[in-house]
Amino acid sequence: MYRDERRWFAGGLLTGLFVLILALRVAAPTPADEMVSPAGPAPLVPRFAVTDPRAPAKKKLPIYSVETDRKRIAISFDATWGADKTPKLLEILRRHHVKTTFFLVSMWIRKYPEETRMIAREGHEIGLHSATHPDFRTLSDAEIRRELEDNLRAVRETTGFEARLFRPPFGAYDDRVITVVEAMGLIPVQWDVDSLDWMDVTPQQIVHRVTRLVRPGSIVLFHNNAESTPAALPEILRRLQAEGYEIVPVSQLLHKGPYYIDHTGRQIPTGPPRLAPRPGR
């Protein structure tokens, strides 16, 4: 009997200790392995230094949104197929005094060079979206680099713009893809608000979805040739501007100082901006 009581007491003690450890783990702050470490040469927007204790990461993420106290967001368009609606979108953006970011595929640029130049002339930012729109996870490192080098060259030769942002085709990536992209000095960018304009949706549904989900620091995804986007965009811009939102290109939304990316893909600043050196210094 005495031996059974001791066995029962020891089992209860171990159970209690396990529950206490579990409770402390749940209450603990987000571990460092949820953050993203640098890879290769420092990109345009530097991440943590390797020596920073918060830097080690097991999972690499693009920037999905940005931590900010300002009512500031970015709107972006992916261009992979068709260009019929691009002039109309540019007209709407011009009318509302909005600059955005267009992520362009090389084959689109070469098929629609005038529309590409029109985007640049209107003052919009151009980002990379690959050469042929493959799933980058299926490519070798060398193939990824060739896709991006071709994309960089197509943008540069058509517009003179030096692209520094990259959005993976299909939004598909893994640690290896992010590592190769950052080693080329590019910044991988996703979105936290998907308009779903590529689906069979009405303009009203797009307006409701975007205006409901957007928050300070959001990056919104549209497509340049989606059927309902030209009808939805004016109302979205009107509502957001009436709510006090400033709409800027993606690079203007990003933090220019050291940062980390949390487990949701949100870019969190950790220090003051790093100013570019003055010419001649």
Protein backbone atom coordinates (compact mmCIF):
# COMPACT_ATOMS: atom_id res chain seq x y z
CA MET A 1 0.00 0.00 0.00
CA TYR A 2 2.75 2.41 1.01
CA ARG A 3 4.62 1.63 -2.20
CA ASP A 4 1.48 2.36 -4.27
CA GLU A 5 1.01 5.72 -2.54
CA ARG A 6 4.60 6.70 -3.32
CA ARG A 7 4.13 5.69 -6.94
CA TRP A 8 0.90 7.74 -7.14
CA PHE A 9 2.59 10.76 -5.52
CA ALA A 10 5.57 10.64 -7.93
CA GLY A 11 3.26 10.37 -10.95
CA GLY A 12 1.24 13.35 -9.78
CA LEU A 13 4.38 15.41 -9.23
CA LEU A 14 5.65 14.71 -12.75
CA THR A 15 2.27 15.58 -14.26
CA GLY A 16 2.17 18.86 -12.38
CA LEU A 17 5.71 19.73 -13.49
CA PHE A 18 4.81 19.01 -17.15
CA VAL A 19 1.73 21.25 -16.94
CA LEU A 20 3.84 24.07 -15.42
CA ILE A 21 6.48 23.84 -18.19
CA LEU A 22 3.78 23.83 -20.88
CA ALA A 23 2.11 26.90 -19.37
CA LEU A 24 5.41 28.79 -19.27
CA ARG A 25 6.15 27.89 -22.91
CA VAL A 26 2.74 29.12 -24.11
CA ALA A 27 3.19 32.40 -22.22
CA ALA A 28 6.71 32.98 -23.56
CA PRO A 29 7.31 35.57 -26.34
CA THR A 30 7.70 34.54 -29.97
CA PRO A 31 11.00 32.64 -30.29
CA ALA A 32 13.83 33.90 -32.44
CA ASP A 33 13.37 31.11 -34.95
CA GLU A 34 10.18 32.81 -36.13
CA MET A 35 12.31 35.69 -37.40
CA VAL A 36 14.21 35.91 -40.65
CA SER A 37 17.98 36.13 -40.86
CA PRO A 38 19.93 37.79 -43.68
CA ALA A 39 21.19 35.79 -46.64
CA GLY A 40 23.99 36.88 -48.94
CA PRO A 41 24.70 40.57 -49.65
CA ALA A 42 22.61 43.07 -47.71
CA PRO A 43 19.45 43.92 -49.67
CA LEU A 44 18.16 47.45 -50.26
CA VAL A 45 16.40 47.30 -46.89
CA PRO A 46 18.83 45.65 -44.41
CA ARG A 47 17.67 42.92 -42.04
CA PHE A 48 19.28 42.03 -38.72
CA ALA A 49 23.03 41.60 -38.61
CA VAL A 50 24.11 37.96 -38.30
CA THR A 51 25.50 38.72 -34.84
CA ASP A 52 22.14 39.96 -33.54
CA PRO A 53 20.78 37.39 -31.05
CA ARG A 54 17.33 37.66 -32.62
CA ALA A 55 18.52 36.88 -36.12
CA PRO A 56 18.68 33.05 -36.38
CA ALA A 57 15.73 31.67 -38.33
CA LYS A 58 14.44 28.33 -39.48
CA LYS A 59 11.93 29.76 -41.95
CA LYS A 60 12.45 32.62 -44.37
CA LEU A 61 9.54 34.84 -45.36
CA PRO A 62 8.97 37.61 -47.90
CA ILE A 63 7.47 40.87 -46.66
CA TYR A 64 3.69 40.55 -46.56
CA SER A 65 2.93 43.82 -44.73
CA VAL A 66 4.68 46.57 -42.77
CA GLU A 67 4.39 47.63 -39.14
CA THR A 68 3.52 51.36 -39.08
CA ASP A 69 1.61 53.89 -36.99
CA ARG A 70 0.70 55.83 -40.13
CA LYS A 71 -2.39 55.16 -42.25
CA ARG A 72 -0.23 54.19 -45.17
CA ILE A 73 -0.59 51.25 -47.56
CA ALA A 74 0.70 50.04 -50.92
CA ILE A 75 -1.31 48.83 -53.91
CA SER A 76 0.31 46.47 -56.41
CA PHE A 77 -0.56 44.89 -59.75
CA ASP A 78 0.83 41.65 -61.18
CA ALA A 79 1.09 41.59 -64.99
CA THR A 80 1.40 38.17 -66.59
CA TRP A 81 -1.23 38.02 -69.30
CA GLY A 82 -3.10 40.61 -71.37
CA ALA A 83 -2.82 44.41 -71.37
CA ASP A 84 -6.22 45.63 -72.56
CA LYS A 85 -7.15 47.13 -69.22
CA THR A 86 -3.77 48.60 -68.30
CA PRO A 87 -4.34 52.06 -69.88
CA LYS A 88 -7.66 52.35 -68.03
CA LEU A 89 -6.04 51.42 -64.71
CA LEU A 90 -3.32 54.01 -65.29
CA GLU A 91 -5.96 56.64 -66.03
CA ILE A 92 -7.79 55.83 -62.78
CA LEU A 93 -4.58 55.96 -60.75
CA ARG A 94 -3.65 59.29 -62.35
CA ARG A 95 -7.08 60.74 -61.59
CA HIS A 96 -6.74 59.82 -57.91
CA HIS A 97 -3.07 60.95 -57.72
CA VAL A 98 -1.90 57.46 -56.71
CA LYS A 99 1.42 55.77 -57.50
CA THR A 100 1.68 52.01 -57.21
CA THR A 101 3.97 49.06 -57.98
CA PHE A 102 3.58 46.84 -61.06
CA PHE A 103 5.27 43.43 -60.88
CA LEU A 104 6.01 42.50 -64.50
CA VAL A 105 6.97 39.23 -66.18
CA SER A 106 9.61 39.44 -68.94
CA MET A 107 7.39 37.80 -71.55
CA TRP A 108 4.69 40.40 -70.79
CA ILE A 109 7.19 43.24 -71.08
CA ARG A 110 8.39 42.02 -74.47
CA LYS A 111 4.88 41.50 -75.75
CA TYR A 112 3.64 44.87 -74.46
CA PRO A 113 6.64 47.25 -74.48
CA GLU A 114 4.52 50.37 -74.97
CA GLU A 115 2.30 49.57 -71.99
CA THR A 116 5.45 48.87 -69.97
CA ARG A 117 6.90 52.26 -70.90
CA MET A 118 3.56 53.87 -70.12
CA ILE A 119 3.68 52.45 -66.57
CA ALA A 120 7.16 53.90 -66.09
CA ARG A 121 6.26 57.28 -67.63
CA GLU A 122 3.33 57.60 -65.21
CA GLY A 123 5.81 57.33 -62.32
CA HIS A 124 4.85 53.89 -61.05
CA GLU A 125 7.39 51.54 -59.56
CA ILE A 126 8.29 48.34 -61.42
CA GLY A 127 9.02 45.10 -59.63
CA LEU A 128 10.18 41.72 -60.91
CA HIS A 129 7.78 38.80 -61.38
CA SER A 130 10.15 36.37 -63.20
CA ALA A 131 10.90 35.82 -66.89
CA THR A 132 8.44 33.02 -67.72
CA HIS A 133 6.26 32.72 -64.57
CA PRO A 134 7.37 29.29 -63.30
CA ASP A 135 7.03 27.90 -59.79
CA PHE A 136 10.45 28.88 -58.41
CA ARG A 137 10.43 25.95 -55.98
CA THR A 138 10.85 23.59 -58.94
CA LEU A 139 13.91 25.41 -60.32
CA SER A 140 17.58 24.99 -59.54
CA ASP A 141 19.50 27.91 -58.02
CA ALA A 142 21.05 28.65 -61.41
CA GLU A 143 17.63 28.61 -63.11
CA ILE A 144 16.24 31.02 -60.50
CA ARG A 145 19.13 33.40 -61.13
CA ARG A 146 18.62 33.20 -64.91
CA GLU A 147 14.90 33.99 -64.51
CA LEU A 148 15.68 37.05 -62.40
CA GLU A 149 18.59 38.26 -64.51
CA ASP A 150 16.39 38.09 -67.61
CA ASN A 151 13.62 39.95 -65.78
CA LEU A 152 16.02 42.64 -64.60
CA ARG A 153 17.37 43.06 -68.12
CA ALA A 154 13.89 43.27 -69.68
CA VAL A 155 12.82 46.01 -67.25
CA ARG A 156 16.06 47.94 -67.65
CA GLU A 157 16.17 47.79 -71.45
CA THR A 158 12.52 48.77 -71.85
CA THR A 159 12.19 51.48 -69.21
CA GLY A 160 15.62 52.23 -67.72
CA PHE A 161 14.20 51.34 -64.30
CA GLU A 162 16.42 49.36 -61.90
CA ALA A 163 14.02 46.98 -60.16
CA ARG A 164 14.80 45.88 -56.61
CA LEU A 165 11.56 44.17 -55.54
CA PHE A 166 10.52 40.65 -56.50
CA ARG A 167 7.21 38.82 -56.16
CA PRO A 168 7.34 35.03 -56.67
CA PRO A 169 5.00 33.66 -59.35
CA PHE A 170 1.92 32.05 -57.76
CA GLY A 171 3.18 33.44 -54.44
CA ALA A 172 5.20 30.19 -54.21
CA TYR A 173 8.53 30.10 -52.36
CA ASP A 174 10.61 28.22 -49.83
CA ASP A 175 13.76 28.96 -47.82
CA ARG A 176 16.04 28.17 -50.76
CA VAL A 177 14.17 30.51 -53.13
CA ILE A 178 14.33 33.39 -50.64
CA THR A 179 18.03 32.76 -50.04
CA VAL A 180 18.87 32.92 -53.77
CA VAL A 181 16.69 36.00 -54.31
CA GLU A 182 18.23 37.92 -51.40
CA ALA A 183 21.74 36.90 -52.45
CA MET A 184 21.06 38.86 -55.66
CA GLY A 185 20.27 41.96 -53.61
CA LEU A 186 16.52 41.72 -54.26
CA ILE A 187 13.70 42.07 -51.73
CA PRO A 188 10.99 39.40 -51.89
CA VAL A 189 7.50 40.87 -51.41
CA GLN A 190 4.08 39.24 -51.08
CA TRP A 191 0.74 40.75 -49.97
CA ASP A 192 -1.60 40.56 -46.98
CA VAL A 193 -4.76 41.63 -48.86
CA ASP A 194 -5.72 39.62 -51.94
CA SER A 195 -8.44 41.32 -53.98
CA LEU A 196 -9.25 37.94 -55.59
CA ASP A 197 -9.87 39.89 -58.80
CA TRP A 198 -8.53 36.91 -60.78
CA MET A 199 -11.62 34.94 -59.77
CA ASP A 200 -15.16 35.27 -61.11
CA VAL A 201 -16.14 38.09 -58.73
CA THR A 202 -18.08 41.31 -59.13
CA PRO A 203 -16.63 44.81 -58.67
CA GLN A 204 -18.77 45.19 -55.54
CA GLN A 205 -17.28 42.03 -54.05
CA ILE A 206 -13.75 43.29 -54.72
CA VAL A 207 -14.52 46.67 -53.16
CA HIS A 208 -16.04 45.05 -50.05
CA ARG A 209 -13.16 42.62 -49.62
CA VAL A 210 -10.31 45.11 -50.01
CA THR A 211 -11.80 47.91 -47.90
CA ARG A 212 -12.75 45.43 -45.17
CA LEU A 213 -9.34 43.75 -44.91
CA VAL A 214 -6.93 46.64 -45.42
CA ARG A 215 -5.09 48.09 -42.40
CA PRO A 216 -2.09 50.40 -41.94
CA GLY A 217 0.94 48.80 -43.57
CA SER A 218 -1.05 46.53 -45.91
CA ILE A 219 0.13 45.49 -49.36
CA VAL A 220 -2.83 44.88 -51.67
CA LEU A 221 -2.71 42.51 -54.64
CA PHE A 222 -4.51 43.23 -57.93
CA HIS A 223 -3.93 42.01 -61.49
CA ASN A 224 -3.53 44.35 -64.44
CA ASN A 225 -5.96 42.54 -66.72
CA ALA A 226 -8.59 41.16 -64.33
CA GLU A 227 -12.11 41.69 -65.62
CA SER A 228 -13.65 43.58 -62.68
CA THR A 229 -10.66 45.56 -61.43
CA PRO A 230 -11.17 48.76 -63.49
CA ALA A 231 -14.74 49.01 -62.22
CA ALA A 232 -13.76 48.32 -58.60
CA LEU A 233 -10.61 50.43 -58.33
CA PRO A 234 -12.13 53.96 -58.32
CA GLU A 235 -14.45 53.16 -55.40
CA ILE A 236 -11.65 51.46 -53.47
CA LEU A 237 -9.37 54.46 -53.89
CA ARG A 238 -12.16 56.88 -53.00
CA ARG A 239 -13.03 55.03 -49.81
CA LEU A 240 -9.46 54.52 -48.66
CA GLN A 241 -8.49 58.13 -49.30
CA ALA A 242 -11.66 59.31 -47.51
CA GLU A 243 -10.56 57.22 -44.51
CA GLY A 244 -7.23 59.04 -44.51
CA TYR A 245 -5.06 56.38 -46.11
CA GLU A 246 -1.98 57.43 -48.07
CA ILE A 247 -1.33 55.03 -50.96
CA VAL A 248 2.30 54.65 -52.04
CA PRO A 249 4.50 52.27 -54.07
CA VAL A 250 5.71 49.23 -52.13
CA SER A 251 9.30 50.45 -51.74
CA GLN A 252 8.06 53.67 -50.11
CA LEU A 253 6.07 51.62 -47.60
CA LEU A 254 9.04 49.47 -46.55
CA HIS A 255 11.24 50.41 -43.61
CA LYS A 256 14.67 51.67 -44.65
CA GLY A 257 16.47 50.64 -41.45
CA PRO A 258 17.19 47.29 -39.77
CA TYR A 259 14.17 45.06 -39.26
CA TYR A 260 12.91 41.56 -38.72
CA ILE A 261 9.92 39.72 -40.16
CA ASP A 262 7.50 38.10 -37.72
CA HIS A 263 5.69 34.80 -38.29
CA THR A 264 2.89 36.59 -40.19
CA GLY A 265 5.31 38.17 -42.68
CA ARG A 266 5.03 41.64 -41.13
CA GLN A 267 8.15 43.81 -41.41
CA ILE A 268 8.99 45.16 -37.94
CA PRO A 269 11.60 47.96 -37.61
CA THR A 270 14.29 47.59 -34.94
CA GLY A 271 16.22 50.82 -35.34
CA PRO A 272 16.35 54.21 -37.05
CA PRO A 273 16.54 54.48 -40.85
CA ARG A 274 19.96 54.26 -42.46
CA LEU A 275 20.42 57.29 -44.65
CA ALA A 276 22.12 56.91 -48.01
CA PRO A 277 25.58 58.55 -48.19
CA ARG A 278 25.79 61.92 -49.86
CA PRO A 279 27.19 61.99 -53.41
CA GLY A 280 30.98 62.15 -53.42
CA ARG A 281 31.42 60.61 -49.98
